[in-house]
Amino acid sequence: WPMLYVVLAMMALGQGMFVPAVNGLVSRRAGSEEQGVVLGATQSLASLARVIGPLWAGWTYHAFSPVASYNTAAAILILGFAASLGFNRS
């Protein structure tokens, strides 16, 4: 139980720092007239990812191997990192 509490606290801290930072970045990139639409779409995609992600990980874990679910997660993170390199930092 103690390790579970430590991991949950770390996850809560990470989400508490990550979500506001992403929302701030998204709102700065969107124009003032479209911020609501863009932030709504961002939240919708985040919710969809919270549903599809565990389903995909469970399926790959069961269908292939435990390593396959981690490999697909790593591939998605690498793709996201590569996509972020193309953004302008202005």
PDB file of N, CA and C in Angstrom:
ATOM      1  N   TRP A   1       0.796  -1.208   0.000  1.00  0.00           N
ATOM      2  CA  TRP A   1       0.000   0.000   0.000  1.00  0.00           C
ATOM      3  C   TRP A   1       0.838   1.271   0.000  1.00  0.00           C
ATOM      4  N   PRO A   2       1.919   1.311   0.755  1.00  0.00           N
ATOM      5  CA  PRO A   2       2.682   2.565   0.754  1.00  0.00           C
ATOM      6  C   PRO A   2       3.207   2.935  -0.637  1.00  0.00           C
ATOM      7  N   MET A   3       3.678   1.961  -1.403  1.00  0.00           N
ATOM      8  CA  MET A   3       4.185   2.260  -2.738  1.00  0.00           C
ATOM      9  C   MET A   3       3.057   2.730  -3.647  1.00  0.00           C
ATOM     10  N   LEU A   4       1.867   2.184  -3.499  1.00  0.00           N
ATOM     11  CA  LEU A   4       0.717   2.633  -4.280  1.00  0.00           C
ATOM     12  C   LEU A   4       0.429   4.103  -3.991  1.00  0.00           C
ATOM     13  N   TYR A   5       0.477   4.483  -2.735  1.00  0.00           N
ATOM     14  CA  TYR A   5       0.238   5.880  -2.380  1.00  0.00           C
ATOM     15  C   TYR A   5       1.310   6.802  -2.954  1.00  0.00           C
ATOM     16  N   VAL A   6       2.548   6.350  -2.955  1.00  0.00           N
ATOM     17  CA  VAL A   6       3.630   7.158  -3.514  1.00  0.00           C
ATOM     18  C   VAL A   6       3.415   7.353  -5.014  1.00  0.00           C
ATOM     19  N   VAL A   7       3.082   6.268  -5.723  1.00  0.00           N
ATOM     20  CA  VAL A   7       2.875   6.357  -7.168  1.00  0.00           C
ATOM     21  C   VAL A   7       1.666   7.231  -7.487  1.00  0.00           C
ATOM     22  N   LEU A   8       0.589   7.073  -6.740  1.00  0.00           N
ATOM     23  CA  LEU A   8      -0.595   7.903  -6.970  1.00  0.00           C
ATOM     24  C   LEU A   8      -0.307   9.378  -6.712  1.00  0.00           C
ATOM     25  N   ALA A   9       0.479   9.670  -5.686  1.00  0.00           N
ATOM     26  CA  ALA A   9       0.840  11.057  -5.410  1.00  0.00           C
ATOM     27  C   ALA A   9       1.695  11.630  -6.533  1.00  0.00           C
ATOM     28  N   MET A  10       2.609  10.823  -7.060  1.00  0.00           N
ATOM     29  CA  MET A  10       3.452  11.292  -8.167  1.00  0.00           C
ATOM     30  C   MET A  10       2.611  11.522  -9.426  1.00  0.00           C
ATOM     31  N   MET A  11       1.643  10.636  -9.677  1.00  0.00           N
ATOM     32  CA  MET A  11       0.771  10.815 -10.841  1.00  0.00           C
ATOM     33  C   MET A  11      -0.071  12.074 -10.701  1.00  0.00           C
ATOM     34  N   ALA A  12      -0.604  12.304  -9.509  1.00  0.00           N
ATOM     35  CA  ALA A  12      -1.411  13.499  -9.285  1.00  0.00           C
ATOM     36  C   ALA A  12      -0.570  14.762  -9.460  1.00  0.00           C
ATOM     37  N   LEU A  13       0.634  14.741  -8.964  1.00  0.00           N
ATOM     38  CA  LEU A  13       1.528  15.889  -9.115  1.00  0.00           C
ATOM     39  C   LEU A  13       1.862  16.123 -10.586  1.00  0.00           C
ATOM     40  N   GLY A  14       2.166  15.050 -11.301  1.00  0.00           N
ATOM     41  CA  GLY A  14       2.478  15.177 -12.725  1.00  0.00           C
ATOM     42  C   GLY A  14       1.300  15.717 -13.526  1.00  0.00           C
ATOM     43  N   GLN A  15       0.116  15.196 -13.289  1.00  0.00           N
ATOM     44  CA  GLN A  15      -1.067  15.684 -13.992  1.00  0.00           C
ATOM     45  C   GLN A  15      -1.377  17.123 -13.597  1.00  0.00           C
ATOM     46  N   GLY A  16      -1.171  17.444 -12.350  1.00  0.00           N
ATOM     47  CA  GLY A  16      -1.426  18.803 -11.889  1.00  0.00           C
ATOM     48  C   GLY A  16      -0.525  19.830 -12.536  1.00  0.00           C
ATOM     49  N   MET A  17       0.664  19.416 -12.931  1.00  0.00           N
ATOM     50  CA  MET A  17       1.574  20.335 -13.620  1.00  0.00           C
ATOM     51  C   MET A  17       1.401  20.268 -15.131  1.00  0.00           C
ATOM     52  N   PHE A  18       1.085  19.096 -15.664  1.00  0.00           N
ATOM     53  CA  PHE A  18       1.023  18.899 -17.107  1.00  0.00           C
ATOM     54  C   PHE A  18      -0.221  19.522 -17.736  1.00  0.00           C
ATOM     55  N   VAL A  19      -1.378  19.260 -17.184  1.00  0.00           N
ATOM     56  CA  VAL A  19      -2.630  19.695 -17.813  1.00  0.00           C
ATOM     57  C   VAL A  19      -2.734  21.224 -17.906  1.00  0.00           C
ATOM     58  N   PRO A  20      -2.471  21.981 -16.843  1.00  0.00           N
ATOM     59  CA  PRO A  20      -2.527  23.437 -17.000  1.00  0.00           C
ATOM     60  C   PRO A  20      -1.491  23.978 -17.978  1.00  0.00           C
ATOM     61  N   ALA A  21      -0.308  23.361 -18.003  1.00  0.00           N
ATOM     62  CA  ALA A  21       0.728  23.821 -18.939  1.00  0.00           C
ATOM     63  C   ALA A  21       0.295  23.584 -20.379  1.00  0.00           C
ATOM     64  N   VAL A  22      -0.284  22.424 -20.666  1.00  0.00           N
ATOM     65  CA  VAL A  22      -0.743  22.135 -22.023  1.00  0.00           C
ATOM     66  C   VAL A  22      -1.889  23.059 -22.406  1.00  0.00           C
ATOM     67  N   ASN A  23      -2.827  23.276 -21.491  1.00  0.00           N
ATOM     68  CA  ASN A  23      -3.940  24.188 -21.786  1.00  0.00           C
ATOM     69  C   ASN A  23      -3.434  25.602 -22.051  1.00  0.00           C
ATOM     70  N   GLY A  24      -2.444  26.035 -21.314  1.00  0.00           N
ATOM     71  CA  GLY A  24      -1.874  27.356 -21.545  1.00  0.00           C
ATOM     72  C   GLY A  24      -1.202  27.457 -22.908  1.00  0.00           C
ATOM     73  N   LEU A  25      -0.440  26.426 -23.268  1.00  0.00           N
ATOM     74  CA  LEU A  25       0.209  26.428 -24.577  1.00  0.00           C
ATOM     75  C   LEU A  25      -0.807  26.408 -25.711  1.00  0.00           C
ATOM     76  N   VAL A  26      -1.844  25.603 -25.553  1.00  0.00           N
ATOM     77  CA  VAL A  26      -2.869  25.511 -26.595  1.00  0.00           C
ATOM     78  C   VAL A  26      -3.596  26.842 -26.733  1.00  0.00           C
ATOM     79  N   SER A  27      -3.931  27.469 -25.627  1.00  0.00           N
ATOM     80  CA  SER A  27      -4.663  28.732 -25.706  1.00  0.00           C
ATOM     81  C   SER A  27      -3.807  29.849 -26.297  1.00  0.00           C
ATOM     82  N   ARG A  28      -2.488  29.798 -26.096  1.00  0.00           N
ATOM     83  CA  ARG A  28      -1.615  30.815 -26.685  1.00  0.00           C
ATOM     84  C   ARG A  28      -1.454  30.620 -28.187  1.00  0.00           C
ATOM     85  N   ARG A  29      -1.494  29.365 -28.636  1.00  0.00           N
ATOM     86  CA  ARG A  29      -1.351  29.086 -30.067  1.00  0.00           C
ATOM     87  C   ARG A  29      -2.629  29.391 -30.843  1.00  0.00           C
ATOM     88  N   ALA A  30      -3.772  29.311 -30.183  1.00  0.00           N
ATOM     89  CA  ALA A  30      -5.054  29.551 -30.855  1.00  0.00           C
ATOM     90  C   ALA A  30      -5.339  31.045 -30.871  1.00  0.00           C
ATOM     91  N   GLY A  31      -6.048  31.476 -31.888  1.00  0.00           N
ATOM     92  CA  GLY A  31      -6.464  32.869 -31.954  1.00  0.00           C
ATOM     93  C   GLY A  31      -7.529  33.161 -30.909  1.00  0.00           C
ATOM     94  N   SER A  32      -7.699  34.421 -30.573  1.00  0.00           N
ATOM     95  CA  SER A  32      -8.649  34.784 -29.510  1.00  0.00           C
ATOM     96  C   SER A  32     -10.083  34.402 -29.854  1.00  0.00           C
ATOM     97  N   GLU A  33     -10.422  34.406 -31.136  1.00  0.00           N
ATOM     98  CA  GLU A  33     -11.792  34.076 -31.524  1.00  0.00           C
ATOM     99  C   GLU A  33     -12.050  32.571 -31.588  1.00  0.00           C
ATOM    100  N   GLU A  34     -11.009  31.752 -31.519  1.00  0.00           N
ATOM    101  CA  GLU A  34     -11.202  30.310 -31.620  1.00  0.00           C
ATOM    102  C   GLU A  34     -10.685  29.537 -30.416  1.00  0.00           C
ATOM    103  N   GLN A  35     -10.343  30.209 -29.336  1.00  0.00           N
ATOM    104  CA  GLN A  35      -9.788  29.531 -28.165  1.00  0.00           C
ATOM    105  C   GLN A  35     -10.757  28.516 -27.570  1.00  0.00           C
ATOM    106  N   GLY A  36     -12.012  28.852 -27.494  1.00  0.00           N
ATOM    107  CA  GLY A  36     -12.984  27.928 -26.912  1.00  0.00           C
ATOM    108  C   GLY A  36     -13.105  26.648 -27.710  1.00  0.00           C
ATOM    109  N   VAL A  37     -13.140  26.784 -29.013  1.00  0.00           N
ATOM    110  CA  VAL A  37     -13.245  25.605 -29.880  1.00  0.00           C
ATOM    111  C   VAL A  37     -11.997  24.740 -29.754  1.00  0.00           C
ATOM    112  N   VAL A  38     -10.836  25.379 -29.780  1.00  0.00           N
ATOM    113  CA  VAL A  38      -9.577  24.628 -29.732  1.00  0.00           C
ATOM    114  C   VAL A  38      -9.410  23.957 -28.377  1.00  0.00           C
ATOM    115  N   LEU A  39      -9.698  24.661 -27.288  1.00  0.00           N
ATOM    116  CA  LEU A  39      -9.582  24.045 -25.967  1.00  0.00           C
ATOM    117  C   LEU A  39     -10.601  22.927 -25.784  1.00  0.00           C
ATOM    118  N   GLY A  40     -11.796  23.086 -26.329  1.00  0.00           N
ATOM    119  CA  GLY A  40     -12.793  22.018 -26.265  1.00  0.00           C
ATOM    120  C   GLY A  40     -12.341  20.788 -27.037  1.00  0.00           C
ATOM    121  N   ALA A  41     -11.771  21.014 -28.218  1.00  0.00           N
ATOM    122  CA  ALA A  41     -11.265  19.889 -29.001  1.00  0.00           C
ATOM    123  C   ALA A  41     -10.105  19.204 -28.288  1.00  0.00           C
ATOM    124  N   THR A  42      -9.250  19.987 -27.653  1.00  0.00           N
ATOM    125  CA  THR A  42      -8.124  19.417 -26.907  1.00  0.00           C
ATOM    126  C   THR A  42      -8.616  18.532 -25.772  1.00  0.00           C
ATOM    127  N   GLN A  43      -9.606  19.015 -25.021  1.00  0.00           N
ATOM    128  CA  GLN A  43     -10.149  18.226 -23.920  1.00  0.00           C
ATOM    129  C   GLN A  43     -10.874  16.978 -24.420  1.00  0.00           C
ATOM    130  N   SER A  44     -11.560  17.102 -25.563  1.00  0.00           N
ATOM    131  CA  SER A  44     -12.242  15.940 -26.135  1.00  0.00           C
ATOM    132  C   SER A  44     -11.238  14.875 -26.559  1.00  0.00           C
ATOM    133  N   LEU A  45     -10.161  15.292 -27.203  1.00  0.00           N
ATOM    134  CA  LEU A  45      -9.139  14.328 -27.613  1.00  0.00           C
ATOM    135  C   LEU A  45      -8.435  13.708 -26.415  1.00  0.00           C
ATOM    136  N   ALA A  46      -8.225  14.489 -25.362  1.00  0.00           N
ATOM    137  CA  ALA A  46      -7.612  13.941 -24.155  1.00  0.00           C
ATOM    138  C   ALA A  46      -8.523  12.897 -23.519  1.00  0.00           C
ATOM    139  N   SER A  47      -9.823  13.157 -23.490  1.00  0.00           N
ATOM    140  CA  SER A  47     -10.766  12.181 -22.949  1.00  0.00           C
ATOM    141  C   SER A  47     -10.805  10.922 -23.797  1.00  0.00           C
ATOM    142  N   LEU A  48     -10.786  11.086 -25.103  1.00  0.00           N
ATOM    143  CA  LEU A  48     -10.775   9.941 -26.004  1.00  0.00           C
ATOM    144  C   LEU A  48      -9.507   9.108 -25.795  1.00  0.00           C
ATOM    145  N   ALA A  49      -8.383   9.769 -25.591  1.00  0.00           N
ATOM    146  CA  ALA A  49      -7.131   9.052 -25.354  1.00  0.00           C
ATOM    147  C   ALA A  49      -7.177   8.277 -24.041  1.00  0.00           C
ATOM    148  N   ARG A  50      -7.862   8.828 -23.021  1.00  0.00           N
ATOM    149  CA  ARG A  50      -7.982   8.121 -21.750  1.00  0.00           C
ATOM    150  C   ARG A  50      -8.873   6.895 -21.855  1.00  0.00           C
ATOM    151  N   VAL A  51      -9.703   6.820 -22.884  1.00  0.00           N
ATOM    152  CA  VAL A  51     -10.522   5.628 -23.109  1.00  0.00           C
ATOM    153  C   VAL A  51      -9.784   4.641 -24.009  1.00  0.00           C
ATOM    154  N   ILE A  52      -9.256   5.127 -25.118  1.00  0.00           N
ATOM    155  CA  ILE A  52      -8.627   4.243 -26.106  1.00  0.00           C
ATOM    156  C   ILE A  52      -7.285   3.708 -25.610  1.00  0.00           C
ATOM    157  N   GLY A  53      -6.523   4.517 -24.902  1.00  0.00           N
ATOM    158  CA  GLY A  53      -5.199   4.104 -24.446  1.00  0.00           C
ATOM    159  C   GLY A  53      -5.201   2.819 -23.629  1.00  0.00           C
ATOM    160  N   PRO A  54      -5.970   2.752 -22.549  1.00  0.00           N
ATOM    161  CA  PRO A  54      -5.992   1.505 -21.773  1.00  0.00           C
ATOM    162  C   PRO A  54      -6.565   0.321 -22.550  1.00  0.00           C
ATOM    163  N   LEU A  55      -7.562   0.562 -23.405  1.00  0.00           N
ATOM    164  CA  LEU A  55      -8.096  -0.533 -24.216  1.00  0.00           C
ATOM    165  C   LEU A  55      -7.025  -1.085 -25.153  1.00  0.00           C
ATOM    166  N   TRP A  56      -6.304  -0.191 -25.810  1.00  0.00           N
ATOM    167  CA  TRP A  56      -5.240  -0.606 -26.723  1.00  0.00           C
ATOM    168  C   TRP A  56      -4.135  -1.335 -25.970  1.00  0.00           C
ATOM    169  N   ALA A  57      -3.723  -0.791 -24.836  1.00  0.00           N
ATOM    170  CA  ALA A  57      -2.653  -1.416 -24.058  1.00  0.00           C
ATOM    171  C   ALA A  57      -3.075  -2.799 -23.569  1.00  0.00           C
ATOM    172  N   GLY A  58      -4.306  -2.926 -23.111  1.00  0.00           N
ATOM    173  CA  GLY A  58      -4.783  -4.232 -22.663  1.00  0.00           C
ATOM    174  C   GLY A  58      -4.852  -5.241 -23.793  1.00  0.00           C
ATOM    175  N   TRP A  59      -5.301  -4.789 -24.955  1.00  0.00           N
ATOM    176  CA  TRP A  59      -5.395  -5.694 -26.092  1.00  0.00           C
ATOM    177  C   TRP A  59      -4.019  -6.149 -26.554  1.00  0.00           C
ATOM    178  N   THR A  60      -3.073  -5.216 -26.691  1.00  0.00           N
ATOM    179  CA  THR A  60      -1.728  -5.604 -27.140  1.00  0.00           C
ATOM    180  C   THR A  60      -1.027  -6.473 -26.096  1.00  0.00           C
ATOM    181  N   TYR A  61      -1.280  -6.197 -24.826  1.00  0.00           N
ATOM    182  CA  TYR A  61      -0.696  -7.006 -23.749  1.00  0.00           C
ATOM    183  C   TYR A  61      -1.188  -8.441 -23.856  1.00  0.00           C
ATOM    184  N   HIS A  62      -2.480  -8.592 -24.083  1.00  0.00           N
ATOM    185  CA  HIS A  62      -3.075  -9.927 -24.143  1.00  0.00           C
ATOM    186  C   HIS A  62      -2.796 -10.625 -25.475  1.00  0.00           C
ATOM    187  N   ALA A  63      -2.907  -9.903 -26.584  1.00  0.00           N
ATOM    188  CA  ALA A  63      -2.788 -10.519 -27.902  1.00  0.00           C
ATOM    189  C   ALA A  63      -1.342 -10.834 -28.274  1.00  0.00           C
ATOM    190  N   PHE A  64      -0.398 -10.004 -27.862  1.00  0.00           N
ATOM    191  CA  PHE A  64       0.989 -10.186 -28.282  1.00  0.00           C
ATOM    192  C   PHE A  64       1.887 -10.529 -27.103  1.00  0.00           C
ATOM    193  N   SER A  65       2.214  -9.530 -26.306  1.00  0.00           N
ATOM    194  CA  SER A  65       3.075  -9.753 -25.146  1.00  0.00           C
ATOM    195  C   SER A  65       3.033  -8.501 -24.274  1.00  0.00           C
ATOM    196  N   PRO A  66       3.473  -8.604 -23.042  1.00  0.00           N
ATOM    197  CA  PRO A  66       3.530  -7.406 -22.201  1.00  0.00           C
ATOM    198  C   PRO A  66       4.431  -6.328 -22.789  1.00  0.00           C
ATOM    199  N   VAL A  67       5.469  -6.730 -23.488  1.00  0.00           N
ATOM    200  CA  VAL A  67       6.407  -5.766 -24.064  1.00  0.00           C
ATOM    201  C   VAL A  67       5.750  -4.976 -25.191  1.00  0.00           C
ATOM    202  N   ALA A  68       4.813  -5.591 -25.917  1.00  0.00           N
ATOM    203  CA  ALA A  68       4.185  -4.928 -27.062  1.00  0.00           C
ATOM    204  C   ALA A  68       3.424  -3.682 -26.643  1.00  0.00           C
ATOM    205  N   SER A  69       2.748  -3.728 -25.512  1.00  0.00           N
ATOM    206  CA  SER A  69       2.004  -2.542 -25.080  1.00  0.00           C
ATOM    207  C   SER A  69       2.950  -1.394 -24.740  1.00  0.00           C
ATOM    208  N   TYR A  70       4.087  -1.696 -24.147  1.00  0.00           N
ATOM    209  CA  TYR A  70       5.059  -0.653 -23.837  1.00  0.00           C
ATOM    210  C   TYR A  70       5.737  -0.131 -25.106  1.00  0.00           C
ATOM    211  N   ASN A  71       5.969  -1.028 -26.056  1.00  0.00           N
ATOM    212  CA  ASN A  71       6.584  -0.598 -27.314  1.00  0.00           C
ATOM    213  C   ASN A  71       5.661   0.327 -28.103  1.00  0.00           C
ATOM    214  N   THR A  72       4.366   0.034 -28.125  1.00  0.00           N
ATOM    215  CA  THR A  72       3.453   0.926 -28.844  1.00  0.00           C
ATOM    216  C   THR A  72       3.347   2.271 -28.135  1.00  0.00           C
ATOM    217  N   ALA A  73       3.369   2.259 -26.806  1.00  0.00           N
ATOM    218  CA  ALA A  73       3.350   3.532 -26.080  1.00  0.00           C
ATOM    219  C   ALA A  73       4.606   4.340 -26.379  1.00  0.00           C
ATOM    220  N   ALA A  74       5.753   3.681 -26.427  1.00  0.00           N
ATOM    221  CA  ALA A  74       7.007   4.376 -26.745  1.00  0.00           C
ATOM    222  C   ALA A  74       6.968   4.938 -28.158  1.00  0.00           C
ATOM    223  N   ALA A  75       6.420   4.171 -29.102  1.00  0.00           N
ATOM    224  CA  ALA A  75       6.334   4.648 -30.483  1.00  0.00           C
ATOM    225  C   ALA A  75       5.447   5.883 -30.580  1.00  0.00           C
ATOM    226  N   ILE A  76       4.337   5.886 -29.868  1.00  0.00           N
ATOM    227  CA  ILE A  76       3.435   7.043 -29.881  1.00  0.00           C
ATOM    228  C   ILE A  76       4.122   8.265 -29.266  1.00  0.00           C
ATOM    229  N   LEU A  77       4.866   8.064 -28.187  1.00  0.00           N
ATOM    230  CA  LEU A  77       5.591   9.180 -27.576  1.00  0.00           C
ATOM    231  C   LEU A  77       6.660   9.730 -28.510  1.00  0.00           C
ATOM    232  N   ILE A  78       7.343   8.849 -29.206  1.00  0.00           N
ATOM    233  CA  ILE A  78       8.374   9.303 -30.155  1.00  0.00           C
ATOM    234  C   ILE A  78       7.738  10.089 -31.290  1.00  0.00           C
ATOM    235  N   LEU A  79       6.604   9.623 -31.798  1.00  0.00           N
ATOM    236  CA  LEU A  79       5.900  10.360 -32.849  1.00  0.00           C
ATOM    237  C   LEU A  79       5.452  11.740 -32.356  1.00  0.00           C
ATOM    238  N   GLY A  80       4.935  11.793 -31.136  1.00  0.00           N
ATOM    239  CA  GLY A  80       4.531  13.079 -30.573  1.00  0.00           C
ATOM    240  C   GLY A  80       5.705  14.021 -30.388  1.00  0.00           C
ATOM    241  N   PHE A  81       6.828  13.482 -29.945  1.00  0.00           N
ATOM    242  CA  PHE A  81       8.031  14.308 -29.788  1.00  0.00           C
ATOM    243  C   PHE A  81       8.504  14.830 -31.135  1.00  0.00           C
ATOM    244  N   ALA A  82       8.506  13.957 -32.145  1.00  0.00           N
ATOM    245  CA  ALA A  82       8.934  14.379 -33.478  1.00  0.00           C
ATOM    246  C   ALA A  82       8.001  15.454 -34.029  1.00  0.00           C
ATOM    247  N   ALA A  83       6.713  15.313 -33.786  1.00  0.00           N
ATOM    248  CA  ALA A  83       5.760  16.328 -34.247  1.00  0.00           C
ATOM    249  C   ALA A  83       5.975  17.645 -33.523  1.00  0.00           C
ATOM    250  N   SER A  84       6.337  17.587 -32.242  1.00  0.00           N
ATOM    251  CA  SER A  84       6.536  18.821 -31.488  1.00  0.00           C
ATOM    252  C   SER A  84       7.764  19.584 -31.942  1.00  0.00           C
ATOM    253  N   LEU A  85       8.709  18.912 -32.554  1.00  0.00           N
ATOM    254  CA  LEU A  85       9.909  19.593 -33.040  1.00  0.00           C
ATOM    255  C   LEU A  85       9.582  20.529 -34.207  1.00  0.00           C
ATOM    256  N   GLY A  86       8.474  20.261 -34.880  1.00  0.00           N
ATOM    257  CA  GLY A  86       8.105  21.099 -36.009  1.00  0.00           C
ATOM    258  C   GLY A  86       7.384  22.378 -35.629  1.00  0.00           C
ATOM    259  N   PHE A  87       7.023  22.542 -34.365  1.00  0.00           N
ATOM    260  CA  PHE A  87       6.311  23.755 -33.939  1.00  0.00           C
ATOM    261  C   PHE A  87       7.257  24.923 -33.764  1.00  0.00           C
ATOM    262  N   ASN A  88       6.789  26.077 -34.139  1.00  0.00           N
ATOM    263  CA  ASN A  88       7.552  27.315 -33.993  1.00  0.00           C
ATOM    264  C   ASN A  88       7.500  27.758 -32.530  1.00  0.00           C
ATOM    265  N   ARG A  89       8.585  28.212 -31.994  1.00  0.00           N
ATOM    266  CA  ARG A  89       8.623  28.626 -30.588  1.00  0.00           C
ATOM    267  C   ARG A  89       8.382  30.101 -30.388  1.00  0.00           C
ATOM    268  N   SER A  90       7.756  30.771 -31.339  1.00  0.00           N
ATOM    269  CA  SER A  90       7.527  32.206 -31.206  1.00  0.00           C
ATOM    270  C   SER A  90       6.398  32.502 -30.249  1.00  0.00           C
TER     271      SER A  90
END
